[in-house]
């Protein structure tokens, strides 16, 4: 992964499209690497799996199509978390669902404009960089938590929540898998739960680039000064269960448990579904949605 300038693998069998996309990305401060077909793209990925920050992948290509490249990325131990933005002329719900089920959480439907491209790319790269930071922090925290059977903690801020997530992920041997999902649930509890930031408000804040500032502003409000989130974990045999509870009014959680084709073009709204699909074996919201239980039941054989 690039240390300063994000490196983007751009895959399109139309040379003209490849050149235009690369030009747009360069102008926006990215470092694009082009591939004219899926096989060429896969060779670049497997040769240097940590080189890229995102893949902008055309779905329909000769030799090896985008879905085959996507399947190989998701099956690769190093590449599996790399964000793939699937660009396609097929916007039918069944085609989008097929991509979602295969692990493409970011979408662009042709024709798209430069603003749409850069908005979804910024989201994908930001999500991936956040995951990589958490992954690194998890490696440096104590693995002694694998010896604990239960624990209960409280926190207020996103920073406190992140510190706790990197620690508690080590309660399970597959910490790198757990950390992403646990982080998404913790962020949701603070921003949407205790602080009451709505879906539409977050869309606007992301567009304006002021989400972090708004979170800090709301944390400082008198009505939020004493609100906390509780996070507990319990181990029972090969099962590890996390319970997260905020002090908000809850939300309509049912529509967020699965990736919706209606939201794949938005700059957010993927976290809960990704947590369910990638990090946990079972995810259940309770009551009005201010409590969530996340369970992992599949420990490695050597755990």
C-alpha atoms as a PDB file:
ATOM      1  CA  UNK A   1       0.000   0.000   0.000  1.00  0.00           C
ATOM      2  CA  UNK A   2       1.339   3.451  -0.899  1.00  0.00           C
ATOM      3  CA  UNK A   3       2.780   5.367   2.080  1.00  0.00           C
ATOM      4  CA  UNK A   4       1.652   8.817   0.927  1.00  0.00           C
ATOM      5  CA  UNK A   5       0.027   8.766  -2.514  1.00  0.00           C
ATOM      6  CA  UNK A   6      -2.672   6.059  -2.747  1.00  0.00           C
ATOM      7  CA  UNK A   7      -2.017   3.612  -5.574  1.00  0.00           C
ATOM      8  CA  UNK A   8      -5.064   2.540  -7.569  1.00  0.00           C
ATOM      9  CA  UNK A   9      -5.192  -0.439  -9.921  1.00  0.00           C
ATOM     10  CA  UNK A  10      -7.441   0.567 -12.828  1.00  0.00           C
ATOM     11  CA  UNK A  11      -8.737  -2.358 -14.898  1.00  0.00           C
ATOM     12  CA  UNK A  12     -10.598  -1.752 -18.172  1.00  0.00           C
ATOM     13  CA  UNK A  13     -10.347  -3.484 -21.542  1.00  0.00           C
ATOM     14  CA  UNK A  14     -11.195  -0.228 -23.340  1.00  0.00           C
ATOM     15  CA  UNK A  15      -7.873   1.607 -23.708  1.00  0.00           C
ATOM     16  CA  UNK A  16      -9.596   4.981 -24.083  1.00  0.00           C
ATOM     17  CA  UNK A  17     -11.511   4.471 -20.817  1.00  0.00           C
ATOM     18  CA  UNK A  18      -8.299   3.394 -19.109  1.00  0.00           C
ATOM     19  CA  UNK A  19      -6.511   6.551 -20.209  1.00  0.00           C
ATOM     20  CA  UNK A  20      -9.360   8.856 -19.175  1.00  0.00           C
ATOM     21  CA  UNK A  21      -9.754   7.221 -15.764  1.00  0.00           C
ATOM     22  CA  UNK A  22      -6.005   7.333 -15.143  1.00  0.00           C
ATOM     23  CA  UNK A  23      -5.906  11.013 -16.082  1.00  0.00           C
ATOM     24  CA  UNK A  24      -8.746  11.840 -13.685  1.00  0.00           C
ATOM     25  CA  UNK A  25      -7.031   9.930 -10.876  1.00  0.00           C
ATOM     26  CA  UNK A  26      -3.672  11.598 -11.468  1.00  0.00           C
ATOM     27  CA  UNK A  27      -5.312  15.032 -11.427  1.00  0.00           C
ATOM     28  CA  UNK A  28      -6.915  14.130  -8.081  1.00  0.00           C
ATOM     29  CA  UNK A  29      -3.569  13.158  -6.534  1.00  0.00           C
ATOM     30  CA  UNK A  30      -3.685   9.384  -6.921  1.00  0.00           C
ATOM     31  CA  UNK A  31      -1.149   7.063  -8.541  1.00  0.00           C
ATOM     32  CA  UNK A  32      -3.013   4.897 -11.082  1.00  0.00           C
ATOM     33  CA  UNK A  33      -1.606   1.658 -12.485  1.00  0.00           C
ATOM     34  CA  UNK A  34      -3.431   0.406 -15.577  1.00  0.00           C
ATOM     35  CA  UNK A  35      -4.350  -3.127 -16.654  1.00  0.00           C
ATOM     36  CA  UNK A  36      -6.140  -3.881 -19.930  1.00  0.00           C
ATOM     37  CA  UNK A  37      -7.698  -7.183 -18.869  1.00  0.00           C
ATOM     38  CA  UNK A  38      -8.436  -9.287 -15.831  1.00  0.00           C
ATOM     39  CA  UNK A  39      -5.489 -11.618 -16.263  1.00  0.00           C
ATOM     40  CA  UNK A  40      -3.033  -8.725 -16.406  1.00  0.00           C
ATOM     41  CA  UNK A  41      -4.666  -7.205 -13.340  1.00  0.00           C
ATOM     42  CA  UNK A  42      -4.453 -10.437 -11.383  1.00  0.00           C
ATOM     43  CA  UNK A  43      -0.774 -10.859 -12.243  1.00  0.00           C
ATOM     44  CA  UNK A  44      -0.053  -7.365 -10.898  1.00  0.00           C
ATOM     45  CA  UNK A  45      -2.031  -8.037  -7.731  1.00  0.00           C
ATOM     46  CA  UNK A  46      -0.490 -11.389  -6.867  1.00  0.00           C
ATOM     47  CA  UNK A  47       3.056 -10.177  -7.606  1.00  0.00           C
ATOM     48  CA  UNK A  48       2.785  -7.185  -5.235  1.00  0.00           C
ATOM     49  CA  UNK A  49      -0.308  -7.724  -3.055  1.00  0.00           C
ATOM     50  CA  UNK A  50       0.460  -4.856  -0.648  1.00  0.00           C
ATOM     51  CA  UNK A  51       1.106  -2.285  -3.371  1.00  0.00           C
ATOM     52  CA  UNK A  52      -2.446  -1.113  -3.946  1.00  0.00           C
ATOM     53  CA  UNK A  53      -4.990   0.871  -1.928  1.00  0.00           C
ATOM     54  CA  UNK A  54      -8.014   0.088  -4.120  1.00  0.00           C
ATOM     55  CA  UNK A  55      -9.023  -1.610  -7.370  1.00  0.00           C
ATOM     56  CA  UNK A  56     -11.257   0.119  -9.908  1.00  0.00           C
ATOM     57  CA  UNK A  57     -12.497  -2.930 -11.767  1.00  0.00           C
ATOM     58  CA  UNK A  58     -14.499  -3.213 -14.985  1.00  0.00           C
ATOM     59  CA  UNK A  59     -16.984  -6.059 -14.754  1.00  0.00           C
ATOM     60  CA  UNK A  60     -17.297  -7.087 -18.400  1.00  0.00           C
ATOM     61  CA  UNK A  61     -13.936  -8.035 -19.961  1.00  0.00           C
ATOM     62  CA  UNK A  62     -12.576 -10.787 -22.220  1.00  0.00           C
ATOM     63  CA  UNK A  63     -10.158 -13.505 -20.992  1.00  0.00           C
ATOM     64  CA  UNK A  64     -10.834 -13.021 -17.278  1.00  0.00           C
ATOM     65  CA  UNK A  65     -13.847 -10.898 -16.343  1.00  0.00           C
ATOM     66  CA  UNK A  66     -14.211  -8.679 -13.315  1.00  0.00           C
ATOM     67  CA  UNK A  67     -16.127 -11.236 -11.270  1.00  0.00           C
ATOM     68  CA  UNK A  68     -13.314 -13.773 -11.636  1.00  0.00           C
ATOM     69  CA  UNK A  69     -10.731 -11.183 -10.578  1.00  0.00           C
ATOM     70  CA  UNK A  70     -12.947 -10.265  -7.616  1.00  0.00           C
ATOM     71  CA  UNK A  71     -13.252 -13.912  -6.558  1.00  0.00           C
ATOM     72  CA  UNK A  72      -9.471 -14.340  -6.640  1.00  0.00           C
ATOM     73  CA  UNK A  73      -8.930 -11.161  -4.625  1.00  0.00           C
ATOM     74  CA  UNK A  74     -11.355 -12.260  -1.916  1.00  0.00           C
ATOM     75  CA  UNK A  75      -9.756 -15.723  -1.719  1.00  0.00           C
ATOM     76  CA  UNK A  76      -6.223 -14.325  -1.323  1.00  0.00           C
ATOM     77  CA  UNK A  77      -5.021 -14.034   2.313  1.00  0.00           C
ATOM     78  CA  UNK A  78      -3.338 -10.650   1.802  1.00  0.00           C
ATOM     79  CA  UNK A  79      -5.707  -9.125  -0.740  1.00  0.00           C
ATOM     80  CA  UNK A  80      -9.050 -10.158   0.763  1.00  0.00           C
ATOM     81  CA  UNK A  81      -9.661  -6.807   2.505  1.00  0.00           C
ATOM     82  CA  UNK A  82      -8.561  -4.695  -0.481  1.00  0.00           C
ATOM     83  CA  UNK A  83     -11.552  -2.567  -1.581  1.00  0.00           C
ATOM     84  CA  UNK A  84     -12.868  -3.297  -5.062  1.00  0.00           C
ATOM     85  CA  UNK A  85     -14.980  -0.692  -6.848  1.00  0.00           C
ATOM     86  CA  UNK A  86     -16.932  -2.512  -9.515  1.00  0.00           C
ATOM     87  CA  UNK A  87     -17.689  -0.375 -12.557  1.00  0.00           C
ATOM     88  CA  UNK A  88     -20.419  -1.809 -14.688  1.00  0.00           C
ATOM     89  CA  UNK A  89     -23.050  -0.948 -17.252  1.00  0.00           C
ATOM     90  CA  UNK A  90     -25.315  -3.524 -15.586  1.00  0.00           C
ATOM     91  CA  UNK A  91     -27.372  -1.804 -12.913  1.00  0.00           C
ATOM     92  CA  UNK A  92     -30.047  -4.495 -12.532  1.00  0.00           C
ATOM     93  CA  UNK A  93     -30.653  -5.504  -8.922  1.00  0.00           C
ATOM     94  CA  UNK A  94     -29.677  -9.145  -9.495  1.00  0.00           C
ATOM     95  CA  UNK A  95     -26.326  -8.083 -10.972  1.00  0.00           C
ATOM     96  CA  UNK A  96     -25.610  -5.733  -8.083  1.00  0.00           C
ATOM     97  CA  UNK A  97     -26.565  -8.447  -5.588  1.00  0.00           C
ATOM     98  CA  UNK A  98     -24.229 -10.899  -7.311  1.00  0.00           C
ATOM     99  CA  UNK A  99     -21.385  -8.424  -6.903  1.00  0.00           C
ATOM    100  CA  UNK A 100     -22.263  -7.733  -3.270  1.00  0.00           C
ATOM    101  CA  UNK A 101     -22.348 -11.423  -2.425  1.00  0.00           C
ATOM    102  CA  UNK A 102     -18.936 -11.814  -4.064  1.00  0.00           C
ATOM    103  CA  UNK A 103     -17.489  -9.011  -1.932  1.00  0.00           C
ATOM    104  CA  UNK A 104     -17.807  -5.856  -4.073  1.00  0.00           C
ATOM    105  CA  UNK A 105     -19.126  -3.284  -1.587  1.00  0.00           C
ATOM    106  CA  UNK A 106     -18.475  -0.243  -3.802  1.00  0.00           C
ATOM    107  CA  UNK A 107     -20.153   0.390  -7.154  1.00  0.00           C
ATOM    108  CA  UNK A 108     -20.062   2.757 -10.109  1.00  0.00           C
ATOM    109  CA  UNK A 109     -22.610   2.432 -12.891  1.00  0.00           C
ATOM    110  CA  UNK A 110     -21.532   3.577 -16.334  1.00  0.00           C
ATOM    111  CA  UNK A 111     -21.701   6.303 -17.384  1.00  0.00           C
ATOM    112  CA  UNK A 112     -20.454   8.029 -14.227  1.00  0.00           C
ATOM    113  CA  UNK A 113     -18.948  11.472 -13.777  1.00  0.00           C
ATOM    114  CA  UNK A 114     -15.676  12.472 -12.172  1.00  0.00           C
ATOM    115  CA  UNK A 115     -17.298  13.629  -8.922  1.00  0.00           C
ATOM    116  CA  UNK A 116     -19.001  10.249  -8.467  1.00  0.00           C
ATOM    117  CA  UNK A 117     -15.728   8.442  -9.168  1.00  0.00           C
ATOM    118  CA  UNK A 118     -13.728  10.484  -6.675  1.00  0.00           C
ATOM    119  CA  UNK A 119     -16.418  10.333  -3.971  1.00  0.00           C
ATOM    120  CA  UNK A 120     -16.684   6.536  -3.955  1.00  0.00           C
ATOM    121  CA  UNK A 121     -12.906   6.157  -4.300  1.00  0.00           C
ATOM    122  CA  UNK A 122     -12.316   8.416  -1.300  1.00  0.00           C
ATOM    123  CA  UNK A 123     -14.748   6.319   0.721  1.00  0.00           C
ATOM    124  CA  UNK A 124     -13.184   3.001  -0.301  1.00  0.00           C
ATOM    125  CA  UNK A 125      -9.625   4.145   0.391  1.00  0.00           C
ATOM    126  CA  UNK A 126     -10.629   5.726   3.696  1.00  0.00           C
ATOM    127  CA  UNK A 127     -12.318   2.515   4.835  1.00  0.00           C
ATOM    128  CA  UNK A 128      -9.260   0.462   3.855  1.00  0.00           C
ATOM    129  CA  UNK A 129      -6.755   2.791   5.508  1.00  0.00           C
ATOM    130  CA  UNK A 130      -8.855   2.764   8.683  1.00  0.00           C
ATOM    131  CA  UNK A 131      -8.822  -1.039   8.623  1.00  0.00           C
ATOM    132  CA  UNK A 132      -5.049  -1.184   8.055  1.00  0.00           C
ATOM    133  CA  UNK A 133      -4.383   1.151  10.992  1.00  0.00           C
ATOM    134  CA  UNK A 134      -6.595  -0.962  13.254  1.00  0.00           C
ATOM    135  CA  UNK A 135      -4.867  -4.097  12.032  1.00  0.00           C
ATOM    136  CA  UNK A 136      -1.441  -2.672  12.880  1.00  0.00           C
ATOM    137  CA  UNK A 137      -2.574  -1.460  16.289  1.00  0.00           C
ATOM    138  CA  UNK A 138      -4.066  -4.872  17.033  1.00  0.00           C
ATOM    139  CA  UNK A 139      -0.691  -6.524  16.435  1.00  0.00           C
ATOM    140  CA  UNK A 140       0.855  -4.324  19.122  1.00  0.00           C
ATOM    141  CA  UNK A 141      -1.738  -4.933  21.823  1.00  0.00           C
ATOM    142  CA  UNK A 142      -1.682  -7.704  24.378  1.00  0.00           C
ATOM    143  CA  UNK A 143      -2.733 -11.184  23.361  1.00  0.00           C
ATOM    144  CA  UNK A 144      -3.298 -11.984  27.037  1.00  0.00           C
ATOM    145  CA  UNK A 145      -7.003 -11.371  26.419  1.00  0.00           C
ATOM    146  CA  UNK A 146      -7.168 -14.871  24.937  1.00  0.00           C
ATOM    147  CA  UNK A 147      -6.793 -15.992  28.570  1.00  0.00           C
ATOM    148  CA  UNK A 148      -9.784 -13.944  29.802  1.00  0.00           C
ATOM    149  CA  UNK A 149     -13.288 -15.386  29.878  1.00  0.00           C
ATOM    150  CA  UNK A 150     -15.222 -12.131  30.228  1.00  0.00           C
ATOM    151  CA  UNK A 151     -14.843  -8.387  30.585  1.00  0.00           C
ATOM    152  CA  UNK A 152     -16.921  -5.187  30.589  1.00  0.00           C
ATOM    153  CA  UNK A 153     -15.860  -1.685  29.536  1.00  0.00           C
ATOM    154  CA  UNK A 154     -17.369   1.764  28.905  1.00  0.00           C
ATOM    155  CA  UNK A 155     -16.260   4.608  26.627  1.00  0.00           C
ATOM    156  CA  UNK A 156     -17.496   7.951  25.236  1.00  0.00           C
ATOM    157  CA  UNK A 157     -15.454   8.969  22.216  1.00  0.00           C
ATOM    158  CA  UNK A 158     -14.456   7.370  18.928  1.00  0.00           C
ATOM    159  CA  UNK A 159     -10.798   7.439  20.023  1.00  0.00           C
ATOM    160  CA  UNK A 160     -11.612   5.578  23.247  1.00  0.00           C
ATOM    161  CA  UNK A 161     -13.726   3.131  21.267  1.00  0.00           C
ATOM    162  CA  UNK A 162     -10.934   2.487  18.760  1.00  0.00           C
ATOM    163  CA  UNK A 163      -8.410   1.850  21.536  1.00  0.00           C
ATOM    164  CA  UNK A 164     -10.818  -0.594  23.131  1.00  0.00           C
ATOM    165  CA  UNK A 165     -11.529  -2.349  19.829  1.00  0.00           C
ATOM    166  CA  UNK A 166      -7.843  -2.977  19.129  1.00  0.00           C
ATOM    167  CA  UNK A 167      -7.516  -4.472  22.603  1.00  0.00           C
ATOM    168  CA  UNK A 168     -10.666  -6.599  22.648  1.00  0.00           C
ATOM    169  CA  UNK A 169     -10.126  -8.003  19.166  1.00  0.00           C
ATOM    170  CA  UNK A 170      -7.350 -10.043  20.726  1.00  0.00           C
ATOM    171  CA  UNK A 171      -9.955 -11.915  22.764  1.00  0.00           C
ATOM    172  CA  UNK A 172     -10.232 -14.051  19.617  1.00  0.00           C
ATOM    173  CA  UNK A 173      -7.301 -15.707  17.793  1.00  0.00           C
ATOM    174  CA  UNK A 174      -8.466 -14.177  14.493  1.00  0.00           C
ATOM    175  CA  UNK A 175      -8.016 -10.607  15.736  1.00  0.00           C
ATOM    176  CA  UNK A 176      -7.471  -9.145  12.261  1.00  0.00           C
ATOM    177  CA  UNK A 177     -10.865 -10.506  11.211  1.00  0.00           C
ATOM    178  CA  UNK A 178     -12.657  -9.244  14.311  1.00  0.00           C
ATOM    179  CA  UNK A 179     -11.215  -5.733  14.466  1.00  0.00           C
ATOM    180  CA  UNK A 180     -12.949  -4.371  11.368  1.00  0.00           C
ATOM    181  CA  UNK A 181     -16.448  -5.497  12.353  1.00  0.00           C
ATOM    182  CA  UNK A 182     -16.096  -4.498  15.987  1.00  0.00           C
ATOM    183  CA  UNK A 183     -14.879  -1.066  14.926  1.00  0.00           C
ATOM    184  CA  UNK A 184     -17.909  -0.531  12.680  1.00  0.00           C
ATOM    185  CA  UNK A 185     -20.312  -1.441  15.487  1.00  0.00           C
ATOM    186  CA  UNK A 186     -18.535   0.879  17.919  1.00  0.00           C
ATOM    187  CA  UNK A 187     -18.572   3.814  15.474  1.00  0.00           C
ATOM    188  CA  UNK A 188     -22.276   3.219  14.866  1.00  0.00           C
ATOM    189  CA  UNK A 189     -22.997   3.228  18.613  1.00  0.00           C
ATOM    190  CA  UNK A 190     -21.291   6.592  19.104  1.00  0.00           C
ATOM    191  CA  UNK A 191     -22.262   8.548  15.989  1.00  0.00           C
ATOM    192  CA  UNK A 192     -25.769   7.252  15.300  1.00  0.00           C
ATOM    193  CA  UNK A 193     -26.628   6.017  18.796  1.00  0.00           C
ATOM    194  CA  UNK A 194     -25.429   8.496  21.404  1.00  0.00           C
ATOM    195  CA  UNK A 195     -24.943  11.492  19.094  1.00  0.00           C
ATOM    196  CA  UNK A 196     -28.029  10.988  16.914  1.00  0.00           C
ATOM    197  CA  UNK A 197     -26.377  11.620  13.536  1.00  0.00           C
ATOM    198  CA  UNK A 198     -28.854  10.395  10.924  1.00  0.00           C
ATOM    199  CA  UNK A 199     -28.076   8.606   7.663  1.00  0.00           C
ATOM    200  CA  UNK A 200     -28.888  11.696   5.594  1.00  0.00           C
ATOM    201  CA  UNK A 201     -26.873  13.930   7.905  1.00  0.00           C
ATOM    202  CA  UNK A 202     -23.832  11.692   7.534  1.00  0.00           C
ATOM    203  CA  UNK A 203     -24.217  11.759   3.745  1.00  0.00           C
ATOM    204  CA  UNK A 204     -24.100  15.554   3.873  1.00  0.00           C
ATOM    205  CA  UNK A 205     -21.221  15.637   6.361  1.00  0.00           C
ATOM    206  CA  UNK A 206     -19.185  13.254   4.207  1.00  0.00           C
ATOM    207  CA  UNK A 207     -19.850  15.406   1.163  1.00  0.00           C
ATOM    208  CA  UNK A 208     -18.722  18.515   3.051  1.00  0.00           C
ATOM    209  CA  UNK A 209     -15.768  16.729   4.670  1.00  0.00           C
ATOM    210  CA  UNK A 210     -16.906  17.785   8.159  1.00  0.00           C
ATOM    211  CA  UNK A 211     -17.972  14.474   9.735  1.00  0.00           C
ATOM    212  CA  UNK A 212     -15.199  14.357  12.376  1.00  0.00           C
ATOM    213  CA  UNK A 213     -15.782  17.978  13.354  1.00  0.00           C
ATOM    214  CA  UNK A 214     -19.515  17.344  13.792  1.00  0.00           C
ATOM    215  CA  UNK A 215     -18.837  14.280  15.947  1.00  0.00           C
ATOM    216  CA  UNK A 216     -16.556  16.346  18.203  1.00  0.00           C
ATOM    217  CA  UNK A 217     -19.102  19.187  18.349  1.00  0.00           C
ATOM    218  CA  UNK A 218     -21.904  16.858  19.424  1.00  0.00           C
ATOM    219  CA  UNK A 219     -19.700  15.079  21.957  1.00  0.00           C
ATOM    220  CA  UNK A 220     -19.161  18.457  23.650  1.00  0.00           C
ATOM    221  CA  UNK A 221     -22.886  19.269  23.925  1.00  0.00           C
ATOM    222  CA  UNK A 222     -24.231  19.226  27.519  1.00  0.00           C
ATOM    223  CA  UNK A 223     -26.922  16.667  26.659  1.00  0.00           C
ATOM    224  CA  UNK A 224     -24.245  14.221  25.474  1.00  0.00           C
ATOM    225  CA  UNK A 225     -21.633  14.867  28.153  1.00  0.00           C
ATOM    226  CA  UNK A 226     -22.518  11.830  30.262  1.00  0.00           C
ATOM    227  CA  UNK A 227     -23.578   9.427  27.512  1.00  0.00           C
ATOM    228  CA  UNK A 228     -21.436   6.315  27.268  1.00  0.00           C
ATOM    229  CA  UNK A 229     -21.293   3.082  25.311  1.00  0.00           C
ATOM    230  CA  UNK A 230     -20.800  -0.217  27.118  1.00  0.00           C
ATOM    231  CA  UNK A 231     -18.881  -3.036  25.473  1.00  0.00           C
ATOM    232  CA  UNK A 232     -18.614  -6.455  27.058  1.00  0.00           C
ATOM    233  CA  UNK A 233     -17.305  -9.777  25.883  1.00  0.00           C
ATOM    234  CA  UNK A 234     -17.768 -13.326  27.077  1.00  0.00           C
ATOM    235  CA  UNK A 235     -16.085 -16.529  26.026  1.00  0.00           C
ATOM    236  CA  UNK A 236     -17.850 -19.902  26.169  1.00  0.00           C
ATOM    237  CA  UNK A 237     -15.806 -22.733  24.722  1.00  0.00           C
ATOM    238  CA  UNK A 238     -15.050 -21.910  21.105  1.00  0.00           C
ATOM    239  CA  UNK A 239     -17.547 -19.032  21.053  1.00  0.00           C
ATOM    240  CA  UNK A 240     -16.753 -15.372  21.727  1.00  0.00           C
ATOM    241  CA  UNK A 241     -19.691 -12.994  22.155  1.00  0.00           C
ATOM    242  CA  UNK A 242     -19.546  -9.181  22.170  1.00  0.00           C
ATOM    243  CA  UNK A 243     -22.407  -7.012  23.478  1.00  0.00           C
ATOM    244  CA  UNK A 244     -22.441  -3.302  22.613  1.00  0.00           C
ATOM    245  CA  UNK A 245     -25.066  -0.973  24.097  1.00  0.00           C
ATOM    246  CA  UNK A 246     -25.439   2.774  23.569  1.00  0.00           C
ATOM    247  CA  UNK A 247     -27.755   5.272  25.272  1.00  0.00           C
ATOM    248  CA  UNK A 248     -29.491   6.501  22.134  1.00  0.00           C
ATOM    249  CA  UNK A 249     -33.056   6.084  20.941  1.00  0.00           C
ATOM    250  CA  UNK A 250     -32.220   3.186  18.622  1.00  0.00           C
ATOM    251  CA  UNK A 251     -32.694   2.995  14.858  1.00  0.00           C
ATOM    252  CA  UNK A 252     -34.364   0.944  12.141  1.00  0.00           C
ATOM    253  CA  UNK A 253     -31.598  -1.655  12.072  1.00  0.00           C
ATOM    254  CA  UNK A 254     -33.316  -4.283   9.898  1.00  0.00           C
ATOM    255  CA  UNK A 255     -32.466  -2.598   6.597  1.00  0.00           C
ATOM    256  CA  UNK A 256     -28.752  -2.352   7.433  1.00  0.00           C
ATOM    257  CA  UNK A 257     -28.043  -6.009   8.215  1.00  0.00           C
ATOM    258  CA  UNK A 258     -27.688  -6.757   4.507  1.00  0.00           C
ATOM    259  CA  UNK A 259     -26.025  -4.744   1.765  1.00  0.00           C
ATOM    260  CA  UNK A 260     -28.797  -3.029  -0.149  1.00  0.00           C
ATOM    261  CA  UNK A 261     -28.491  -2.336  -3.890  1.00  0.00           C
ATOM    262  CA  UNK A 262     -30.123   1.017  -3.110  1.00  0.00           C
ATOM    263  CA  UNK A 263     -27.138   2.081  -0.963  1.00  0.00           C
ATOM    264  CA  UNK A 264     -24.138   0.704  -2.886  1.00  0.00           C
ATOM    265  CA  UNK A 265     -23.657   4.060  -4.605  1.00  0.00           C
ATOM    266  CA  UNK A 266     -23.659   6.010  -1.297  1.00  0.00           C
ATOM    267  CA  UNK A 267     -20.472   7.047   0.491  1.00  0.00           C
ATOM    268  CA  UNK A 268     -21.436   5.144   3.662  1.00  0.00           C
ATOM    269  CA  UNK A 269     -23.995   2.674   5.026  1.00  0.00           C
ATOM    270  CA  UNK A 270     -21.925  -0.505   4.543  1.00  0.00           C
ATOM    271  CA  UNK A 271     -20.443  -0.979   8.007  1.00  0.00           C
ATOM    272  CA  UNK A 272     -23.025  -3.177   9.734  1.00  0.00           C
ATOM    273  CA  UNK A 273     -23.518  -5.450   6.722  1.00  0.00           C
ATOM    274  CA  UNK A 274     -19.751  -5.773   6.225  1.00  0.00           C
ATOM    275  CA  UNK A 275     -19.340  -6.639   9.909  1.00  0.00           C
ATOM    276  CA  UNK A 276     -21.941  -9.370   9.549  1.00  0.00           C
ATOM    277  CA  UNK A 277     -20.502 -10.750   6.312  1.00  0.00           C
ATOM    278  CA  UNK A 278     -16.782 -10.553   7.125  1.00  0.00           C
ATOM    279  CA  UNK A 279     -16.177 -10.441  10.874  1.00  0.00           C
ATOM    280  CA  UNK A 280     -18.898 -12.330  12.723  1.00  0.00           C
ATOM    281  CA  UNK A 281     -20.820 -15.566  12.383  1.00  0.00           C
ATOM    282  CA  UNK A 282     -23.933 -14.063  13.947  1.00  0.00           C
ATOM    283  CA  UNK A 283     -25.041 -10.466  14.395  1.00  0.00           C
ATOM    284  CA  UNK A 284     -28.272  -9.526  16.148  1.00  0.00           C
ATOM    285  CA  UNK A 285     -29.727  -6.188  17.180  1.00  0.00           C
ATOM    286  CA  UNK A 286     -32.028  -6.199  20.200  1.00  0.00           C
ATOM    287  CA  UNK A 287     -35.072  -4.106  21.022  1.00  0.00           C
ATOM    288  CA  UNK A 288     -35.076  -0.685  19.399  1.00  0.00           C
ATOM    289  CA  UNK A 289     -31.553  -1.141  18.052  1.00  0.00           C
ATOM    290  CA  UNK A 290     -29.395   0.357  20.795  1.00  0.00           C
ATOM    291  CA  UNK A 291     -28.006  -3.086  21.680  1.00  0.00           C
ATOM    292  CA  UNK A 292     -26.170  -5.443  19.352  1.00  0.00           C
ATOM    293  CA  UNK A 293     -24.754  -8.915  19.986  1.00  0.00           C
ATOM    294  CA  UNK A 294     -21.921 -10.070  17.723  1.00  0.00           C
ATOM    295  CA  UNK A 295     -20.801 -13.691  17.945  1.00  0.00           C
ATOM    296  CA  UNK A 296     -17.894 -15.655  16.510  1.00  0.00           C
ATOM    297  CA  UNK A 297     -18.209 -19.424  16.712  1.00  0.00           C
ATOM    298  CA  UNK A 298     -15.529 -20.650  14.324  1.00  0.00           C
ATOM    299  CA  UNK A 299     -12.187 -20.671  16.065  1.00  0.00           C
ATOM    300  CA  UNK A 300      -9.094 -21.851  14.224  1.00  0.00           C
ATOM    301  CA  UNK A 301      -8.137 -25.448  14.886  1.00  0.00           C
ATOM    302  CA  UNK A 302      -5.073 -24.359  16.840  1.00  0.00           C
ATOM    303  CA  UNK A 303      -6.940 -21.885  19.042  1.00  0.00           C
END
